[in-house]
N, C-alpha and C. Protein backbone atom coordinates (compact mmCIF):
# COMPACT_ATOMS: atom_id res chain seq x y z
N UNK A 1 -7.98 -21.26 10.61
CA UNK A 1 -7.04 -20.50 10.14
C UNK A 1 -6.11 -20.59 10.70
N UNK A 2 -4.60 -20.52 9.86
CA UNK A 2 -3.37 -20.21 10.49
C UNK A 2 -3.38 -18.50 9.97
N UNK A 3 -2.52 -17.96 10.89
CA UNK A 3 -2.48 -16.62 11.02
C UNK A 3 -0.76 -16.47 11.20
N UNK A 4 -0.09 -15.89 10.43
CA UNK A 4 1.77 -16.56 10.21
C UNK A 4 2.08 -14.44 10.17
N UNK A 5 2.29 -14.02 11.30
CA UNK A 5 2.96 -12.49 11.62
C UNK A 5 4.69 -12.64 11.34
N UNK A 6 5.34 -12.30 10.28
CA UNK A 6 6.58 -11.82 9.98
C UNK A 6 6.81 -10.53 10.20
N UNK A 7 8.04 -10.21 11.01
CA UNK A 7 8.45 -8.73 10.95
C UNK A 7 10.08 -8.67 10.14
N UNK A 8 10.03 -7.42 9.67
CA UNK A 8 11.47 -7.01 9.16
C UNK A 8 11.57 -5.48 10.01
N UNK A 9 12.86 -5.50 10.67
CA UNK A 9 12.93 -4.21 11.22
C UNK A 9 12.37 -3.71 12.41
N UNK A 10 11.87 -4.63 12.83
CA UNK A 10 10.68 -4.45 14.05
C UNK A 10 11.38 -5.78 15.27
N UNK A 11 11.56 -5.56 16.53
CA UNK A 11 12.36 -6.32 17.29
C UNK A 11 10.88 -7.04 17.64
N UNK A 12 9.87 -6.56 18.06
CA UNK A 12 8.34 -7.51 18.30
C UNK A 12 7.17 -6.85 18.43
N UNK A 13 6.31 -7.25 18.41
CA UNK A 13 5.42 -6.76 18.09
C UNK A 13 3.64 -6.76 19.44
N UNK A 14 3.48 -5.71 19.31
CA UNK A 14 2.45 -5.46 21.08
C UNK A 14 1.37 -6.51 20.84
N UNK A 15 1.08 -6.80 21.93
CA UNK A 15 0.01 -8.03 21.78
C UNK A 15 -1.45 -7.33 21.25
N UNK A 16 -1.31 -5.83 21.63
CA UNK A 16 -2.57 -5.33 21.15
C UNK A 16 -2.35 -5.02 19.75
N UNK A 17 -1.20 -4.68 19.16
CA UNK A 17 -1.45 -4.85 17.51
C UNK A 17 -1.81 -6.22 16.88
N UNK A 18 -1.28 -7.23 17.90
CA UNK A 18 -1.76 -8.58 17.46
C UNK A 18 -3.03 -9.05 17.14
N UNK A 19 -3.68 -8.50 18.46
CA UNK A 19 -5.02 -8.63 18.60
C UNK A 19 -5.73 -7.85 17.50
N UNK A 20 -5.41 -6.50 16.89
CA UNK A 20 -6.31 -5.60 15.95
C UNK A 20 -5.90 -6.40 14.34
N UNK A 21 -5.02 -6.86 14.14
CA UNK A 21 -4.49 -7.85 12.87
C UNK A 21 -5.38 -8.74 13.07
N UNK A 22 -5.51 -9.72 14.18
CA UNK A 22 -6.79 -10.64 14.12
C UNK A 22 -8.21 -10.27 13.79
N UNK A 23 -8.39 -9.09 14.61
CA UNK A 23 -9.86 -8.66 14.26
C UNK A 23 -10.12 -8.03 13.09
N UNK A 24 -9.38 -7.44 12.37
CA UNK A 24 -9.21 -6.84 11.26
C UNK A 24 -9.40 -8.03 10.06
N UNK A 25 -8.62 -9.51 10.05
CA UNK A 25 -8.98 -10.32 9.61
C UNK A 25 -10.10 -11.14 9.53
N UNK A 26 -10.41 -10.75 10.95
CA UNK A 26 -12.07 -11.51 11.15
C UNK A 26 -13.04 -10.84 10.40
N UNK A 27 -12.54 -9.34 10.38
CA UNK A 27 -13.66 -9.10 9.56
C UNK A 27 -13.88 -9.43 8.17
N UNK A 28 -12.77 -9.77 7.23
CA UNK A 28 -12.89 -10.21 6.10
C UNK A 28 -13.49 -11.52 6.08
N UNK A 29 -13.22 -12.24 6.94
CA UNK A 29 -14.17 -13.52 6.97
C UNK A 29 -15.83 -13.52 7.03
N UNK A 30 -16.43 -12.66 7.23
CA UNK A 30 -17.80 -12.42 6.98
C UNK A 30 -18.17 -12.58 5.21
N UNK A 31 -17.20 -12.11 4.61
CA UNK A 31 -17.22 -12.61 3.13
C UNK A 31 -16.74 -13.58 2.58
N UNK A 32 -15.71 -14.29 3.23
CA UNK A 32 -15.37 -15.29 2.79
C UNK A 32 -14.82 -16.01 4.07
N UNK A 33 -15.43 -17.19 4.32
CA UNK A 33 -15.39 -17.97 5.45
C UNK A 33 -14.77 -19.16 5.30
N UNK A 34 -14.22 -19.21 4.30
CA UNK A 34 -13.13 -20.65 3.85
C UNK A 34 -11.87 -19.70 3.44
N UNK A 35 -11.24 -19.51 4.43
CA UNK A 35 -9.73 -18.98 4.51
C UNK A 35 -8.46 -19.76 5.13
N UNK A 36 -7.68 -20.36 4.59
CA UNK A 36 -7.26 -21.44 5.04
C UNK A 36 -6.25 -21.23 5.74
N UNK A 37 -5.41 -19.67 5.14
CA UNK A 37 -4.00 -19.19 5.66
C UNK A 37 -4.18 -17.72 5.48
N UNK A 38 -3.51 -17.00 6.07
CA UNK A 38 -3.05 -15.98 6.70
C UNK A 38 -1.81 -15.53 6.85
N UNK A 39 -0.89 -14.66 5.79
CA UNK A 39 0.21 -14.07 6.39
C UNK A 39 0.41 -12.81 6.22
N UNK A 40 1.15 -12.24 7.22
CA UNK A 40 1.09 -11.03 7.28
C UNK A 40 2.71 -10.29 7.71
N UNK A 41 3.33 -9.61 6.72
CA UNK A 41 4.66 -8.77 6.90
C UNK A 41 4.39 -7.64 7.28
N UNK A 42 4.81 -7.31 8.03
CA UNK A 42 5.45 -6.19 8.54
C UNK A 42 6.81 -5.47 8.62
N UNK A 43 6.94 -4.53 7.80
CA UNK A 43 8.02 -3.94 7.45
C UNK A 43 8.32 -2.51 7.82
N UNK A 44 8.95 -2.18 8.60
CA UNK A 44 9.83 -0.86 8.79
C UNK A 44 10.96 -0.47 8.24
N UNK A 45 10.68 0.60 7.30
CA UNK A 45 11.61 1.25 6.49
C UNK A 45 12.11 2.74 6.52
N UNK A 46 12.65 3.45 6.95
CA UNK A 46 12.78 4.65 6.77
C UNK A 46 11.68 5.62 7.41
N UNK A 47 11.35 4.85 8.84
CA UNK A 47 10.59 5.63 9.55
C UNK A 47 8.96 5.30 9.12
N UNK A 48 8.98 4.37 8.12
CA UNK A 48 7.13 4.30 7.63
C UNK A 48 7.17 2.66 7.91
N UNK A 49 5.93 2.31 8.22
CA UNK A 49 5.72 0.87 8.13
C UNK A 49 5.15 0.54 7.03
N UNK A 50 5.55 -0.95 6.39
CA UNK A 50 4.41 -1.66 5.50
C UNK A 50 3.89 -2.62 6.01
N UNK A 51 2.92 -2.75 5.88
CA UNK A 51 2.09 -4.13 6.14
C UNK A 51 1.48 -4.95 4.78
N UNK A 52 1.97 -6.05 4.57
CA UNK A 52 1.40 -6.65 3.53
C UNK A 52 0.62 -8.32 3.79
N UNK A 53 -0.63 -8.16 3.67
CA UNK A 53 -1.39 -9.29 3.81
C UNK A 53 -1.98 -10.15 3.25
N UNK A 54 -1.52 -11.15 2.90
CA UNK A 54 -1.53 -12.15 1.85
C UNK A 54 -2.84 -13.21 2.44
N UNK A 55 -3.81 -13.48 1.99
CA UNK A 55 -5.04 -14.62 2.19
C UNK A 55 -5.20 -15.76 1.31
N UNK A 56 -5.04 -16.66 1.63
CA UNK A 56 -5.17 -18.02 0.50
C UNK A 56 -6.73 -18.69 1.25
N UNK A 57 -7.38 -18.57 0.33
CA UNK A 57 -8.56 -18.73 0.28
C UNK A 57 -9.29 -19.90 -0.81
N UNK A 58 -9.76 -20.79 -1.00
CA UNK A 58 -10.36 -21.80 -2.17
C UNK A 58 -9.44 -21.42 -3.23
N UNK A 59 -8.28 -21.56 -3.38
CA UNK A 59 -7.24 -22.05 -4.14
C UNK A 59 -7.28 -20.23 -5.00
N UNK A 60 -7.74 -19.41 -3.80
CA UNK A 60 -7.34 -18.17 -4.71
C UNK A 60 -6.07 -17.12 -3.65
N UNK A 61 -5.31 -16.06 -4.08
CA UNK A 61 -4.63 -15.73 -2.95
C UNK A 61 -5.01 -14.25 -3.50
N UNK A 62 -4.97 -13.62 -2.52
CA UNK A 62 -5.73 -12.26 -2.41
C UNK A 62 -4.33 -11.28 -1.31
N UNK A 63 -4.07 -10.16 -2.09
CA UNK A 63 -2.84 -9.73 -1.44
C UNK A 63 -3.46 -7.92 -1.12
N UNK A 64 -2.97 -7.45 -0.19
CA UNK A 64 -3.13 -6.38 -0.06
C UNK A 64 -1.74 -5.62 0.59
N UNK A 65 -1.92 -4.54 0.54
CA UNK A 65 -0.56 -3.56 1.10
C UNK A 65 -1.09 -2.33 1.38
N UNK A 66 -0.49 -1.84 2.96
CA UNK A 66 -0.68 -0.54 3.22
C UNK A 66 0.21 0.22 3.89
N UNK A 67 0.31 1.38 3.95
CA UNK A 67 1.83 2.28 4.57
C UNK A 67 1.22 3.54 5.48
N UNK A 68 2.04 3.40 6.27
CA UNK A 68 1.74 4.66 7.21
C UNK A 68 3.11 4.85 8.32
N UNK A 69 3.09 5.88 9.03
CA UNK A 69 3.90 6.45 9.80
C UNK A 69 3.66 5.48 10.88
N UNK A 70 2.42 5.27 11.13
CA UNK A 70 2.05 4.40 12.45
C UNK A 70 1.60 2.73 12.13
N UNK A 71 1.92 2.20 13.04
CA UNK A 71 1.85 0.51 12.20
C UNK A 71 0.07 0.39 12.18
N UNK A 72 -1.00 1.09 13.10
CA UNK A 72 -2.21 1.32 12.79
C UNK A 72 -2.61 1.43 11.68
N UNK A 73 -2.12 2.79 11.19
CA UNK A 73 -2.65 3.31 9.86
C UNK A 73 -2.41 2.09 8.51
N UNK A 74 -1.02 1.66 8.67
CA UNK A 74 -0.69 0.62 7.59
C UNK A 74 -1.70 -0.47 7.95
N UNK A 75 -1.97 -0.69 9.17
CA UNK A 75 -2.92 -2.03 9.07
C UNK A 75 -4.36 -1.90 8.77
N UNK A 76 -4.73 -0.48 8.45
CA UNK A 76 -5.95 0.03 8.48
C UNK A 76 -6.14 0.25 6.75
N UNK A 77 -4.95 0.82 6.47
CA UNK A 77 -5.02 0.89 4.80
C UNK A 77 -5.27 -0.76 4.15
N UNK A 78 -4.14 -1.39 4.69
CA UNK A 78 -4.33 -2.86 3.97
C UNK A 78 -5.45 -3.55 4.02
N UNK A 79 -6.03 -3.17 5.58
CA UNK A 79 -7.55 -4.06 5.78
C UNK A 79 -8.49 -3.53 4.93
N UNK A 80 -8.66 -2.25 4.79
CA UNK A 80 -9.75 -2.10 3.61
C UNK A 80 -9.25 -2.26 2.12
N UNK A 81 -7.89 -2.48 1.89
CA UNK A 81 -8.21 -2.94 0.15
C UNK A 81 -8.47 -4.08 0.37
N UNK A 82 -7.88 -4.80 1.29
CA UNK A 82 -8.29 -6.27 1.36
C UNK A 82 -9.65 -6.80 1.28
N UNK A 83 -10.56 -5.82 1.96
CA UNK A 83 -11.69 -5.75 2.32
C UNK A 83 -12.84 -5.91 1.26
N UNK A 84 -11.91 -4.75 0.28
CA UNK A 84 -12.64 -4.35 -0.85
C UNK A 84 -12.14 -5.64 -1.94
N UNK A 85 -11.18 -5.67 -2.20
CA UNK A 85 -10.64 -7.26 -3.03
C UNK A 85 -11.98 -8.12 -2.76
N UNK A 86 -11.89 -8.70 -1.60
CA UNK A 86 -12.96 -9.76 -1.13
C UNK A 86 -14.28 -9.50 -1.51
N UNK A 87 -14.73 -8.54 -0.98
CA UNK A 87 -16.10 -8.19 -1.40
C UNK A 87 -16.18 -8.05 -2.93
N UNK A 88 -15.65 -7.63 -3.78
CA UNK A 88 -15.77 -7.36 -5.09
C UNK A 88 -15.19 -8.66 -5.87
N UNK A 89 -14.44 -9.69 -5.05
CA UNK A 89 -14.49 -11.33 -5.19
C UNK A 89 -15.36 -11.75 -5.22
N UNK A 90 -16.14 -11.66 -3.90
CA UNK A 90 -17.47 -12.52 -3.54
C UNK A 90 -18.96 -11.72 -4.37
N UNK A 91 -19.01 -10.76 -5.08
CA UNK A 91 -19.73 -10.34 -6.09
C UNK A 91 -19.83 -10.90 -7.32
N UNK A 92 -18.60 -10.96 -7.72
CA UNK A 92 -18.18 -11.86 -9.08
C UNK A 92 -18.85 -13.20 -8.68
N UNK A 93 -18.46 -13.86 -8.07
CA UNK A 93 -19.13 -14.84 -7.85
C UNK A 93 -20.77 -15.46 -7.87
N UNK A 94 -21.14 -14.51 -7.03
CA UNK A 94 -22.53 -14.30 -7.24
C UNK A 94 -23.21 -13.65 -8.65
N UNK A 95 -22.20 -13.15 -8.97
CA UNK A 95 -23.13 -12.45 -10.20
C UNK A 95 -23.29 -13.30 -11.47
N UNK A 96 -21.60 -14.22 -11.38
CA UNK A 96 -21.38 -14.87 -12.23
C UNK A 96 -22.72 -16.46 -12.34
N UNK A 97 -23.73 -16.51 -11.13
CA UNK A 97 -24.51 -17.72 -10.98
C UNK A 97 -26.02 -16.82 -11.66
N UNK A 98 -26.01 -15.84 -11.25
CA UNK A 98 -27.39 -15.18 -12.01
C UNK A 98 -27.62 -15.09 -13.42
N UNK A 99 -28.35 -14.66 -13.84
CA UNK A 99 -28.16 -14.05 -15.65
C UNK A 99 -28.41 -12.84 -15.70
N UNK A 100 -27.34 -12.44 -16.34
CA UNK A 100 -27.09 -10.78 -16.60
C UNK A 100 -28.17 -10.55 -17.26
N UNK A 101 -28.10 -9.29 -17.11
CA UNK A 101 -29.14 -8.37 -18.30
C UNK A 101 -28.36 -7.70 -19.30
N UNK A 102 -28.81 -8.12 -20.80
CA UNK A 102 -27.18 -7.44 -21.62
C UNK A 102 -27.78 -5.73 -21.28
N UNK A 103 -26.20 -5.01 -20.98
CA UNK A 103 -25.67 -4.01 -20.97
C UNK A 103 -25.96 -3.17 -22.23
N UNK A 104 -25.71 -1.60 -21.93
CA UNK A 104 -25.96 -0.80 -23.02
C UNK A 104 -24.22 -0.88 -23.40
N UNK A 105 -24.23 -0.63 -24.84
CA UNK A 105 -22.87 -1.04 -25.25
C UNK A 105 -22.15 0.47 -24.72
N UNK A 106 -22.46 1.65 -25.28
CA UNK A 106 -21.60 2.90 -24.75
C UNK A 106 -21.05 2.92 -23.47
N UNK A 107 -22.12 2.44 -22.41
CA UNK A 107 -21.56 2.41 -21.06
C UNK A 107 -20.54 1.61 -20.65
N UNK A 108 -21.00 0.26 -21.50
CA UNK A 108 -20.03 -0.65 -21.02
C UNK A 108 -18.70 -0.55 -21.48
N UNK A 109 -18.61 0.22 -22.71
CA UNK A 109 -17.05 0.21 -23.58
C UNK A 109 -16.65 1.36 -22.56
N UNK A 110 -17.14 2.35 -21.96
CA UNK A 110 -16.05 3.56 -21.43
C UNK A 110 -15.52 2.77 -20.01
N UNK A 111 -16.53 2.09 -19.05
CA UNK A 111 -16.34 1.50 -17.50
C UNK A 111 -15.26 0.58 -17.55
N UNK A 112 -15.62 -0.68 -18.26
CA UNK A 112 -14.72 -1.52 -18.14
C UNK A 112 -13.90 -1.60 -19.02
N UNK A 113 -12.71 -2.12 -18.26
CA UNK A 113 -11.18 -1.92 -19.16
C UNK A 113 -11.32 -3.43 -20.01
N UNK A 114 -10.54 -3.12 -21.18
CA UNK A 114 -10.46 -4.28 -22.40
C UNK A 114 -9.15 -4.45 -22.87
N UNK A 115 -8.88 -5.13 -23.59
CA UNK A 115 -7.42 -5.26 -24.19
C UNK A 115 -7.48 -4.57 -25.27
N UNK A 116 -6.43 -3.72 -25.44
CA UNK A 116 -6.04 -2.94 -26.25
C UNK A 116 -4.99 -2.95 -27.27
N UNK A 117 -4.36 -4.03 -26.92
CA UNK A 117 -3.02 -4.30 -27.53
C UNK A 117 -2.54 -5.92 -27.46
N UNK A 118 -2.29 -6.38 -28.60
CA UNK A 118 -1.69 -8.17 -28.10
C UNK A 118 -0.64 -8.07 -28.87
N UNK A 119 0.60 -8.74 -28.03
CA UNK A 119 1.73 -8.95 -28.38
C UNK A 119 2.43 -10.32 -28.75
N UNK A 120 3.05 -11.02 -29.33
CA UNK A 120 3.61 -12.35 -29.66
C UNK A 120 4.81 -12.36 -30.15
N UNK A 121 5.43 -13.13 -29.56
CA UNK A 121 6.91 -12.99 -29.36
C UNK A 121 7.65 -14.74 -29.66
N UNK A 122 8.91 -14.54 -29.99
CA UNK A 122 9.49 -15.72 -29.95
C UNK A 122 10.08 -16.11 -28.79
N UNK A 123 9.92 -17.34 -27.90
CA UNK A 123 10.66 -17.71 -26.62
C UNK A 123 12.00 -18.30 -26.81
N UNK A 124 12.73 -17.62 -27.10
CA UNK A 124 14.26 -18.57 -26.73
C UNK A 124 14.10 -18.98 -25.30
N UNK A 125 14.78 -20.39 -24.97
CA UNK A 125 15.14 -20.75 -23.79
C UNK A 125 16.35 -19.71 -23.38
N UNK A 126 16.46 -19.53 -22.06
CA UNK A 126 17.19 -18.53 -21.41
C UNK A 126 17.33 -18.57 -19.99
N UNK A 127 18.68 -18.50 -19.60
CA UNK A 127 18.88 -18.38 -18.09
C UNK A 127 18.20 -17.34 -17.33
N UNK A 128 18.08 -17.71 -16.04
CA UNK A 128 17.60 -16.11 -15.09
C UNK A 128 18.22 -15.08 -15.16
N UNK A 129 19.40 -15.13 -15.40
CA UNK A 129 20.20 -13.92 -15.56
C UNK A 129 19.87 -13.04 -16.76
N UNK A 130 19.67 -13.77 -17.89
CA UNK A 130 19.54 -13.47 -19.07
C UNK A 130 18.49 -12.67 -19.06
N UNK A 131 17.16 -13.60 -18.60
CA UNK A 131 15.96 -12.90 -18.60
C UNK A 131 15.62 -11.40 -17.74
N UNK A 132 16.50 -11.46 -16.29
CA UNK A 132 16.80 -9.74 -15.82
C UNK A 132 17.20 -8.71 -16.61
N UNK A 133 18.19 -9.27 -17.33
CA UNK A 133 18.87 -8.52 -18.35
C UNK A 133 17.98 -7.98 -19.51
N UNK A 134 17.07 -9.01 -19.75
CA UNK A 134 16.25 -8.70 -20.62
C UNK A 134 15.36 -7.70 -20.36
N UNK A 135 14.57 -7.83 -18.77
CA UNK A 135 13.74 -7.25 -18.15
C UNK A 135 14.04 -5.79 -18.10
N UNK A 136 15.26 -5.57 -17.60
CA UNK A 136 15.84 -3.97 -17.17
C UNK A 136 15.94 -3.78 -18.96
N UNK A 137 16.56 -4.11 -20.02
CA UNK A 137 16.88 -3.54 -21.36
C UNK A 137 15.42 -3.16 -21.72
N UNK A 138 14.13 -3.96 -21.68
CA UNK A 138 12.88 -3.63 -22.10
C UNK A 138 12.26 -2.41 -21.48
N UNK A 139 12.77 -2.27 -20.07
CA UNK A 139 12.43 -1.57 -19.06
C UNK A 139 11.19 -2.02 -18.60
N UNK A 140 10.28 -2.90 -18.58
CA UNK A 140 9.25 -3.42 -18.66
C UNK A 140 9.08 -4.05 -16.67
N UNK A 141 7.70 -4.56 -16.60
CA UNK A 141 7.80 -4.39 -15.08
C UNK A 141 7.56 -5.89 -14.91
N UNK A 142 8.00 -6.69 -15.91
CA UNK A 142 7.58 -8.51 -15.61
C UNK A 142 8.29 -8.79 -16.74
N UNK A 143 8.62 -9.88 -17.02
CA UNK A 143 9.39 -10.32 -18.52
C UNK A 143 8.62 -12.21 -18.27
N UNK A 144 8.38 -12.80 -19.26
CA UNK A 144 7.71 -13.91 -19.17
C UNK A 144 9.16 -14.68 -20.64
N UNK A 145 9.70 -15.73 -19.90
CA UNK A 145 10.09 -16.40 -20.59
C UNK A 145 10.41 -17.98 -20.35
N UNK A 146 10.99 -18.63 -21.31
CA UNK A 146 11.41 -19.94 -20.99
C UNK A 146 12.94 -20.64 -20.69
N UNK A 147 13.07 -21.04 -19.24
CA UNK A 147 14.10 -21.59 -18.65
C UNK A 147 14.74 -22.53 -19.51
N UNK A 148 16.49 -22.01 -19.95
CA UNK A 148 17.05 -23.10 -20.70
C UNK A 148 17.12 -24.72 -19.85
N UNK A 149 17.43 -24.88 -18.53
CA UNK A 149 17.11 -26.09 -18.36
C UNK A 149 15.98 -27.00 -18.32
N UNK A 150 15.20 -26.12 -18.02
CA UNK A 150 13.77 -27.20 -17.76
C UNK A 150 12.95 -26.92 -18.76
N UNK A 151 13.15 -26.11 -19.27
CA UNK A 151 12.02 -25.44 -20.79
C UNK A 151 10.80 -25.16 -20.13
N UNK A 152 10.43 -24.89 -19.09
CA UNK A 152 9.47 -24.53 -18.20
C UNK A 152 9.22 -22.95 -18.62
N UNK A 153 7.93 -22.46 -18.75
CA UNK A 153 7.41 -21.34 -18.58
C UNK A 153 7.77 -20.44 -17.49
N UNK A 154 8.32 -19.47 -17.31
CA UNK A 154 8.50 -18.55 -15.73
C UNK A 154 7.87 -17.45 -16.10
N UNK A 155 8.09 -16.71 -15.30
CA UNK A 155 8.16 -14.69 -14.92
C UNK A 155 8.84 -14.38 -14.05
N UNK A 156 9.72 -13.24 -14.40
CA UNK A 156 10.46 -12.74 -13.28
C UNK A 156 9.74 -10.90 -13.71
N UNK A 157 9.77 -10.71 -12.40
CA UNK A 157 8.66 -9.36 -12.27
C UNK A 157 9.48 -8.35 -10.95
N UNK A 158 9.68 -7.18 -11.73
CA UNK A 158 10.06 -6.11 -10.45
C UNK A 158 9.18 -5.78 -9.33
N UNK A 159 9.66 -5.89 -8.13
CA UNK A 159 9.14 -5.61 -6.87
C UNK A 159 9.15 -4.21 -6.23
N UNK A 160 8.39 -3.58 -5.67
CA UNK A 160 8.07 -2.22 -5.16
C UNK A 160 9.63 -2.03 -4.76
N UNK A 161 9.99 -2.99 -3.84
CA UNK A 161 11.30 -2.54 -2.97
C UNK A 161 12.69 -2.54 -4.00
N UNK A 162 12.42 -2.67 -5.23
CA UNK A 162 13.59 -2.61 -5.86
C UNK A 162 14.15 -4.28 -6.22
N UNK A 163 13.81 -5.27 -5.75
CA UNK A 163 14.19 -6.59 -6.17
C UNK A 163 13.45 -7.26 -6.98
N UNK A 164 13.72 -8.43 -7.31
CA UNK A 164 13.24 -9.28 -8.37
C UNK A 164 12.21 -10.47 -7.63
N UNK A 165 11.23 -10.80 -8.38
CA UNK A 165 10.32 -11.75 -8.30
C UNK A 165 10.05 -13.07 -9.31
N UNK A 166 10.02 -13.88 -8.74
CA UNK A 166 10.13 -15.17 -9.93
C UNK A 166 8.76 -15.91 -9.64
N UNK A 167 7.87 -15.89 -10.66
CA UNK A 167 7.08 -16.61 -10.59
C UNK A 167 7.29 -18.27 -11.12
N UNK A 168 7.02 -19.44 -10.93
CA UNK A 168 6.97 -20.77 -11.28
C UNK A 168 6.04 -21.35 -10.97
N UNK A 169 5.41 -22.25 -12.23
CA UNK A 169 4.24 -22.78 -12.35
C UNK A 169 4.87 -24.31 -11.26
N UNK A 170 3.78 -24.27 -10.51
CA UNK A 170 3.72 -25.63 -9.90
C UNK A 170 2.93 -27.32 -10.18
N UNK A 171 3.78 -28.17 -10.52
CA UNK A 171 3.12 -29.03 -10.91
C UNK A 171 2.64 -30.33 -9.93
């Protein structure tokens, strides 16, 4: 596994902190032994540390974020979230292989999320700037559009830091 640590607003990382990051990601390996790549981004903003951990394993991407006034607190929160995600994913894999008993309808309806609304709309080709404008006008968190030049479907979304993200299909 390759570990890549990036810093923003921090000059350098203490070796003890890097060792803790390795240790926390190592704990995730007990659930998922085929992690190819791990990326950690540590940002210091307004006296708070934000740690984003992204794992690439078996064609899946797992991401968790932790925040805290201390870097250790941000690491603990992010690694706890990541471990929970990995555990849940691993359980889903093992549960799909086993035959499931038929659950009671009343309890399943309340506990499990389900689709409550379906939308359909005409996708006219547009530029990235038009898509951002449309996203802002609709006041949504994301917007699916067809790019005018390539006719390719893309998704623009609002990031927590106030910027935008773009998801493009890879061919």
